[in-house]
């Protein structure tokens, strides 16, 4: 009986770890946005990413996307973030909305992620002024 229970725990442990990691990705991204860490955010980019920043929209490579995000942070230094919304109940899709406050204004960051192999990667990142 104990052996069967032990085997069951070993069998489901990777599933539990995977689910908890998936739920934490929005939390991780929120902390990267708070610190203005474009490098860590870009680690979660798909090979190509659709970036919509304020009024500019295009599809970029991972490296180009990181540079554009770095430029955004140099103009708008974050001071606070909060998770406004998250969808994490799908096996192949994640979505989150993070509010990023700067000293001058607040931005609404929408993040769309799709599953590639075993991890979620950002396929679309939208940064727009938050509506009051």
N, C-alpha and C. Protein backbone atom coordinates (compact mmCIF):
# COMPACT_ATOMS: atom_id res chain seq x y z
N UNK A 1 0.82 -1.20 0.00
CA UNK A 1 0.00 0.00 0.00
C UNK A 1 0.86 1.26 0.00
N UNK A 2 1.85 1.30 0.87
CA UNK A 2 2.73 2.47 0.94
C UNK A 2 3.53 2.60 -0.34
N UNK A 3 3.95 1.46 -0.88
CA UNK A 3 4.71 1.50 -2.14
C UNK A 3 3.84 2.08 -3.27
N UNK A 4 2.58 1.69 -3.35
CA UNK A 4 1.67 2.21 -4.38
C UNK A 4 1.46 3.71 -4.21
N UNK A 5 1.30 4.16 -2.99
CA UNK A 5 1.13 5.58 -2.72
C UNK A 5 2.39 6.36 -3.12
N UNK A 6 3.54 5.81 -2.79
CA UNK A 6 4.82 6.44 -3.14
C UNK A 6 4.96 6.55 -4.66
N UNK A 7 4.61 5.50 -5.39
CA UNK A 7 4.69 5.53 -6.85
C UNK A 7 3.71 6.55 -7.43
N UNK A 8 2.54 6.66 -6.84
CA UNK A 8 1.56 7.64 -7.30
C UNK A 8 2.09 9.06 -7.11
N UNK A 9 2.67 9.33 -5.97
CA UNK A 9 3.24 10.66 -5.71
C UNK A 9 4.35 10.98 -6.70
N UNK A 10 5.21 10.04 -6.97
CA UNK A 10 6.29 10.24 -7.94
C UNK A 10 5.72 10.49 -9.33
N UNK A 11 4.64 9.80 -9.67
CA UNK A 11 4.04 9.94 -11.00
C UNK A 11 3.39 11.31 -11.20
N UNK A 12 2.76 11.85 -10.16
CA UNK A 12 2.06 13.12 -10.36
C UNK A 12 2.91 14.34 -10.00
N UNK A 13 4.05 14.18 -9.40
CA UNK A 13 4.89 15.32 -9.01
C UNK A 13 5.27 16.20 -10.21
N UNK A 14 5.70 15.65 -11.34
CA UNK A 14 6.03 16.52 -12.48
C UNK A 14 4.82 17.31 -12.99
N UNK A 15 3.65 16.74 -12.92
CA UNK A 15 2.44 17.45 -13.36
C UNK A 15 2.18 18.64 -12.45
N UNK A 16 2.29 18.43 -11.15
CA UNK A 16 2.06 19.52 -10.19
C UNK A 16 3.08 20.63 -10.38
N UNK A 17 4.33 20.27 -10.59
CA UNK A 17 5.37 21.26 -10.81
C UNK A 17 5.09 22.06 -12.08
N UNK A 18 4.66 21.38 -13.13
CA UNK A 18 4.36 22.04 -14.40
C UNK A 18 3.21 23.01 -14.25
N UNK A 19 2.16 22.62 -13.56
CA UNK A 19 1.00 23.49 -13.38
C UNK A 19 1.39 24.71 -12.55
N UNK A 20 2.16 24.52 -11.49
CA UNK A 20 2.53 25.67 -10.67
C UNK A 20 3.44 26.62 -11.44
N UNK A 21 4.33 26.11 -12.27
CA UNK A 21 5.19 26.99 -13.06
C UNK A 21 4.36 27.80 -14.04
N UNK A 22 3.40 27.16 -14.66
CA UNK A 22 2.57 27.84 -15.64
C UNK A 22 1.78 28.96 -14.99
N UNK A 23 1.30 28.75 -13.79
CA UNK A 23 0.52 29.78 -13.11
C UNK A 23 1.41 30.94 -12.69
N UNK A 24 2.69 30.68 -12.46
CA UNK A 24 3.59 31.71 -11.96
C UNK A 24 4.18 32.58 -13.07
N UNK A 25 4.03 32.24 -14.33
CA UNK A 25 4.68 33.00 -15.39
C UNK A 25 4.18 34.45 -15.43
N UNK A 26 2.91 34.69 -15.18
CA UNK A 26 2.40 36.06 -15.15
C UNK A 26 3.01 36.82 -13.97
N UNK A 27 3.13 36.14 -12.83
CA UNK A 27 3.77 36.77 -11.67
C UNK A 27 5.22 37.14 -11.98
N UNK A 28 5.93 36.22 -12.62
CA UNK A 28 7.32 36.49 -12.99
C UNK A 28 7.41 37.66 -13.95
N UNK A 29 6.55 37.67 -14.96
CA UNK A 29 6.57 38.77 -15.93
C UNK A 29 6.25 40.10 -15.27
N UNK A 30 5.33 40.09 -14.31
CA UNK A 30 5.00 41.32 -13.59
C UNK A 30 6.23 41.87 -12.87
N UNK A 31 6.99 41.00 -12.23
CA UNK A 31 8.20 41.47 -11.53
C UNK A 31 9.26 41.96 -12.52
N UNK A 32 9.37 41.33 -13.69
CA UNK A 32 10.32 41.80 -14.70
C UNK A 32 9.91 43.17 -15.24
N UNK A 33 8.60 43.38 -15.41
CA UNK A 33 8.13 44.70 -15.85
C UNK A 33 8.39 45.75 -14.78
N UNK A 34 8.21 45.39 -13.53
CA UNK A 34 8.43 46.35 -12.44
C UNK A 34 9.88 46.80 -12.42
N UNK A 35 10.80 45.89 -12.69
CA UNK A 35 12.22 46.25 -12.68
C UNK A 35 12.69 46.75 -14.04
N UNK A 36 11.82 46.75 -15.04
CA UNK A 36 12.20 47.22 -16.38
C UNK A 36 13.24 46.30 -17.02
N UNK A 37 13.13 45.02 -16.75
CA UNK A 37 14.12 44.04 -17.21
C UNK A 37 13.72 43.44 -18.56
N UNK A 38 14.07 44.14 -19.63
CA UNK A 38 13.70 43.68 -20.97
C UNK A 38 14.38 42.36 -21.33
N UNK A 39 15.55 42.12 -20.79
CA UNK A 39 16.28 40.87 -21.10
C UNK A 39 15.53 39.65 -20.57
N UNK A 40 15.04 39.72 -19.33
CA UNK A 40 14.30 38.59 -18.75
C UNK A 40 12.94 38.42 -19.44
N UNK A 41 12.30 39.52 -19.77
CA UNK A 41 11.02 39.43 -20.47
C UNK A 41 11.23 38.76 -21.82
N UNK A 42 12.28 39.18 -22.54
CA UNK A 42 12.56 38.64 -23.88
C UNK A 42 12.89 37.15 -23.86
N UNK A 43 13.38 36.65 -22.74
CA UNK A 43 13.64 35.20 -22.64
C UNK A 43 12.36 34.40 -22.84
N UNK A 44 11.23 35.05 -22.61
CA UNK A 44 9.93 34.39 -22.75
C UNK A 44 9.27 34.67 -24.08
N UNK A 45 9.95 35.37 -24.98
CA UNK A 45 9.42 35.66 -26.31
C UNK A 45 9.48 34.42 -27.19
N UNK A 46 8.49 34.28 -28.05
CA UNK A 46 8.53 33.28 -29.12
C UNK A 46 9.59 33.77 -30.13
N UNK A 47 10.01 32.92 -31.08
CA UNK A 47 11.01 33.36 -32.06
C UNK A 47 10.62 34.64 -32.80
N UNK A 48 9.33 34.81 -33.08
CA UNK A 48 8.84 36.09 -33.61
C UNK A 48 7.70 36.53 -32.70
N UNK A 49 7.63 37.84 -32.50
CA UNK A 49 6.63 38.37 -31.57
C UNK A 49 5.95 39.58 -32.17
N UNK A 50 4.64 39.65 -32.00
CA UNK A 50 3.91 40.83 -32.42
C UNK A 50 3.94 41.83 -31.27
N UNK A 51 4.55 42.98 -31.52
CA UNK A 51 4.65 44.03 -30.51
C UNK A 51 3.78 45.20 -30.91
N UNK A 52 2.96 45.62 -30.00
CA UNK A 52 2.15 46.81 -30.19
C UNK A 52 2.49 47.72 -29.01
N UNK A 53 3.25 48.76 -29.27
CA UNK A 53 3.65 49.68 -28.20
C UNK A 53 3.12 51.05 -28.55
N UNK A 54 2.17 51.49 -27.75
CA UNK A 54 1.43 52.74 -27.91
C UNK A 54 0.79 52.75 -29.29
N UNK A 55 1.38 53.37 -30.29
CA UNK A 55 0.75 53.42 -31.62
C UNK A 55 1.55 52.69 -32.69
N UNK A 56 2.61 52.01 -32.32
CA UNK A 56 3.44 51.31 -33.30
C UNK A 56 3.21 49.81 -33.17
N UNK A 57 3.00 49.17 -34.33
CA UNK A 57 2.70 47.74 -34.34
C UNK A 57 3.48 47.07 -35.46
N UNK A 58 4.12 45.94 -35.12
CA UNK A 58 4.82 45.16 -36.14
C UNK A 58 5.20 43.81 -35.55
N UNK A 59 5.69 42.93 -36.39
CA UNK A 59 6.19 41.62 -35.96
C UNK A 59 7.71 41.70 -35.99
N UNK A 60 8.34 41.27 -34.89
CA UNK A 60 9.78 41.39 -34.74
C UNK A 60 10.40 40.05 -34.35
N UNK A 61 11.70 39.95 -34.55
CA UNK A 61 12.43 38.81 -34.02
C UNK A 61 12.56 38.98 -32.51
N UNK A 62 12.97 37.94 -31.85
CA UNK A 62 13.15 37.98 -30.40
C UNK A 62 14.14 39.09 -30.00
N UNK A 63 15.25 39.18 -30.70
CA UNK A 63 16.28 40.19 -30.39
C UNK A 63 15.78 41.61 -30.65
N UNK A 64 15.08 41.80 -31.76
CA UNK A 64 14.52 43.13 -32.05
C UNK A 64 13.49 43.52 -31.00
N UNK A 65 12.66 42.57 -30.61
CA UNK A 65 11.65 42.83 -29.59
C UNK A 65 12.26 43.25 -28.27
N UNK A 66 13.35 42.59 -27.89
CA UNK A 66 14.05 42.95 -26.65
C UNK A 66 14.56 44.39 -26.72
N UNK A 67 15.13 44.77 -27.85
CA UNK A 67 15.67 46.11 -28.01
C UNK A 67 14.56 47.17 -27.96
N UNK A 68 13.44 46.90 -28.59
CA UNK A 68 12.32 47.83 -28.58
C UNK A 68 11.76 47.98 -27.16
N UNK A 69 11.68 46.88 -26.44
CA UNK A 69 11.21 46.93 -25.06
C UNK A 69 12.20 47.69 -24.17
N UNK A 70 13.47 47.49 -24.40
CA UNK A 70 14.51 48.22 -23.66
C UNK A 70 14.36 49.73 -23.90
N UNK A 71 14.10 50.10 -25.13
CA UNK A 71 13.89 51.51 -25.47
C UNK A 71 12.65 52.06 -24.76
N UNK A 72 11.59 51.28 -24.72
CA UNK A 72 10.38 51.70 -24.01
C UNK A 72 10.69 51.97 -22.54
N UNK A 73 11.43 51.05 -21.89
CA UNK A 73 11.76 51.22 -20.47
C UNK A 73 12.67 52.42 -20.24
N UNK A 74 13.51 52.76 -21.21
CA UNK A 74 14.38 53.93 -21.03
C UNK A 74 13.56 55.22 -21.05
N UNK A 75 12.45 55.22 -21.75
CA UNK A 75 11.57 56.40 -21.82
C UNK A 75 10.52 56.41 -20.71
N UNK A 76 10.16 55.22 -20.23
CA UNK A 76 9.09 55.08 -19.24
C UNK A 76 9.57 54.14 -18.14
N UNK A 77 10.24 54.68 -17.16
CA UNK A 77 10.80 53.86 -16.09
C UNK A 77 9.69 53.41 -15.12
N UNK A 78 9.48 52.10 -14.97
CA UNK A 78 8.41 51.59 -14.11
C UNK A 78 8.72 51.82 -12.63
N UNK A 79 7.66 52.09 -11.86
CA UNK A 79 7.81 52.21 -10.41
C UNK A 79 6.95 51.18 -9.67
N UNK A 80 5.91 50.69 -10.35
CA UNK A 80 5.00 49.74 -9.69
C UNK A 80 4.25 48.94 -10.75
N UNK A 81 3.94 47.69 -10.41
CA UNK A 81 3.10 46.88 -11.29
C UNK A 81 2.03 46.18 -10.47
N UNK A 82 0.94 45.85 -11.13
CA UNK A 82 -0.08 45.02 -10.49
C UNK A 82 -0.74 44.17 -11.57
N UNK A 83 -1.06 42.95 -11.21
CA UNK A 83 -1.72 42.05 -12.14
C UNK A 83 -3.21 42.37 -12.12
N UNK A 84 -3.72 42.76 -13.27
CA UNK A 84 -5.11 43.17 -13.39
C UNK A 84 -6.01 41.99 -13.75
N UNK A 85 -5.49 41.08 -14.59
CA UNK A 85 -6.30 39.96 -15.09
C UNK A 85 -5.38 38.84 -15.53
N UNK A 86 -5.84 37.61 -15.38
CA UNK A 86 -5.07 36.47 -15.89
C UNK A 86 -5.99 35.34 -16.28
N UNK A 87 -5.62 34.66 -17.37
CA UNK A 87 -6.31 33.45 -17.79
C UNK A 87 -5.24 32.36 -17.87
N UNK A 88 -5.38 31.36 -17.01
CA UNK A 88 -4.38 30.30 -16.99
C UNK A 88 -5.02 28.92 -16.85
N UNK A 89 -6.24 28.79 -17.35
CA UNK A 89 -6.92 27.50 -17.21
C UNK A 89 -6.89 26.67 -18.49
N UNK A 90 -6.17 27.11 -19.50
CA UNK A 90 -6.03 26.34 -20.74
C UNK A 90 -4.67 25.67 -20.77
N UNK A 91 -4.61 24.51 -21.37
CA UNK A 91 -3.34 23.79 -21.47
C UNK A 91 -2.40 24.39 -22.51
N UNK A 92 -2.94 25.14 -23.47
CA UNK A 92 -2.12 25.63 -24.58
C UNK A 92 -2.07 27.15 -24.71
N UNK A 93 -2.68 27.86 -23.77
CA UNK A 93 -2.83 29.31 -23.93
C UNK A 93 -2.77 29.98 -22.56
N UNK A 94 -2.10 31.12 -22.50
CA UNK A 94 -2.08 31.95 -21.30
C UNK A 94 -2.29 33.40 -21.74
N UNK A 95 -2.95 34.16 -20.86
CA UNK A 95 -3.17 35.57 -21.14
C UNK A 95 -3.11 36.32 -19.82
N UNK A 96 -2.48 37.48 -19.83
CA UNK A 96 -2.43 38.29 -18.63
C UNK A 96 -2.44 39.76 -18.96
N UNK A 97 -2.97 40.54 -18.03
CA UNK A 97 -2.94 41.99 -18.15
C UNK A 97 -2.26 42.53 -16.90
N UNK A 98 -1.20 43.28 -17.12
CA UNK A 98 -0.43 43.87 -16.03
C UNK A 98 -0.51 45.38 -16.17
N UNK A 99 -0.80 46.06 -15.07
CA UNK A 99 -0.77 47.52 -15.07
C UNK A 99 0.61 47.96 -14.61
N UNK A 100 1.28 48.73 -15.44
CA UNK A 100 2.63 49.21 -15.15
C UNK A 100 2.57 50.72 -14.92
N UNK A 101 2.87 51.13 -13.71
CA UNK A 101 2.85 52.55 -13.37
C UNK A 101 4.25 53.13 -13.47
N UNK A 102 4.33 54.29 -14.10
CA UNK A 102 5.57 55.05 -14.16
C UNK A 102 5.33 56.33 -13.35
N UNK A 103 6.34 57.18 -13.27
CA UNK A 103 6.15 58.42 -12.50
C UNK A 103 5.15 59.35 -13.18
N UNK A 104 4.94 59.19 -14.49
CA UNK A 104 4.06 60.10 -15.22
C UNK A 104 2.72 59.50 -15.61
N UNK A 105 2.69 58.21 -15.92
CA UNK A 105 1.44 57.60 -16.38
C UNK A 105 1.42 56.11 -16.11
N UNK A 106 0.26 55.50 -16.36
CA UNK A 106 0.10 54.06 -16.17
C UNK A 106 -0.19 53.42 -17.53
N UNK A 107 0.45 52.27 -17.76
CA UNK A 107 0.28 51.53 -19.00
C UNK A 107 -0.41 50.21 -18.72
N UNK A 108 -1.20 49.78 -19.68
CA UNK A 108 -1.86 48.48 -19.64
C UNK A 108 -1.05 47.56 -20.56
N UNK A 109 -0.50 46.50 -20.00
CA UNK A 109 0.31 45.55 -20.77
C UNK A 109 -0.47 44.25 -20.90
N UNK A 110 -0.83 43.90 -22.13
CA UNK A 110 -1.54 42.66 -22.41
C UNK A 110 -0.56 41.66 -22.99
N UNK A 111 -0.53 40.48 -22.41
CA UNK A 111 0.44 39.46 -22.80
C UNK A 111 -0.31 38.20 -23.24
N UNK A 112 -0.07 37.78 -24.49
CA UNK A 112 -0.65 36.56 -25.01
C UNK A 112 0.47 35.53 -25.17
N UNK A 113 0.26 34.35 -24.61
CA UNK A 113 1.26 33.28 -24.68
C UNK A 113 0.64 32.01 -25.23
N UNK A 114 1.42 31.32 -26.02
CA UNK A 114 1.00 30.02 -26.54
C UNK A 114 2.05 28.99 -26.13
N UNK A 115 1.60 27.75 -26.03
CA UNK A 115 2.50 26.68 -25.62
C UNK A 115 3.32 26.20 -26.82
N UNK A 116 4.62 26.16 -26.64
CA UNK A 116 5.56 25.61 -27.62
C UNK A 116 6.31 24.50 -26.90
N UNK A 117 6.14 23.27 -27.36
CA UNK A 117 6.71 22.10 -26.68
C UNK A 117 6.21 22.05 -25.24
N UNK A 118 7.06 22.36 -24.27
CA UNK A 118 6.64 22.24 -22.86
C UNK A 118 6.54 23.58 -22.14
N UNK A 119 6.79 24.69 -22.83
CA UNK A 119 6.74 25.98 -22.14
C UNK A 119 5.89 26.99 -22.91
N UNK A 120 5.45 27.99 -22.18
CA UNK A 120 4.65 29.06 -22.77
C UNK A 120 5.58 30.19 -23.20
N UNK A 121 5.36 30.67 -24.43
CA UNK A 121 6.15 31.78 -24.95
C UNK A 121 5.22 32.90 -25.38
N UNK A 122 5.70 34.12 -25.23
CA UNK A 122 4.90 35.30 -25.57
C UNK A 122 4.87 35.45 -27.08
N UNK A 123 3.66 35.47 -27.63
CA UNK A 123 3.49 35.66 -29.07
C UNK A 123 3.02 37.07 -29.39
N UNK A 124 2.37 37.71 -28.41
CA UNK A 124 1.92 39.10 -28.61
C UNK A 124 2.07 39.86 -27.31
N UNK A 125 2.62 41.06 -27.42
CA UNK A 125 2.78 41.95 -26.28
C UNK A 125 2.26 43.31 -26.68
N UNK A 126 1.26 43.78 -25.94
CA UNK A 126 0.61 45.06 -26.26
C UNK A 126 0.78 45.99 -25.06
N UNK A 127 1.37 47.17 -25.30
CA UNK A 127 1.52 48.18 -24.26
C UNK A 127 0.78 49.42 -24.72
N UNK A 128 -0.21 49.83 -23.92
CA UNK A 128 -1.00 51.00 -24.29
C UNK A 128 -1.32 51.80 -23.03
N UNK A 129 -1.55 53.09 -23.18
CA UNK A 129 -1.92 53.88 -22.00
C UNK A 129 -3.18 53.31 -21.35
N UNK A 130 -3.16 53.23 -20.03
CA UNK A 130 -4.32 52.71 -19.31
C UNK A 130 -5.45 53.73 -19.39
N UNK A 131 -6.64 53.22 -19.57
CA UNK A 131 -7.81 54.10 -19.61
C UNK A 131 -8.32 54.32 -18.19
N UNK A 132 -8.63 55.54 -17.88
CA UNK A 132 -9.13 55.85 -16.53
C UNK A 132 -10.56 55.48 -16.36
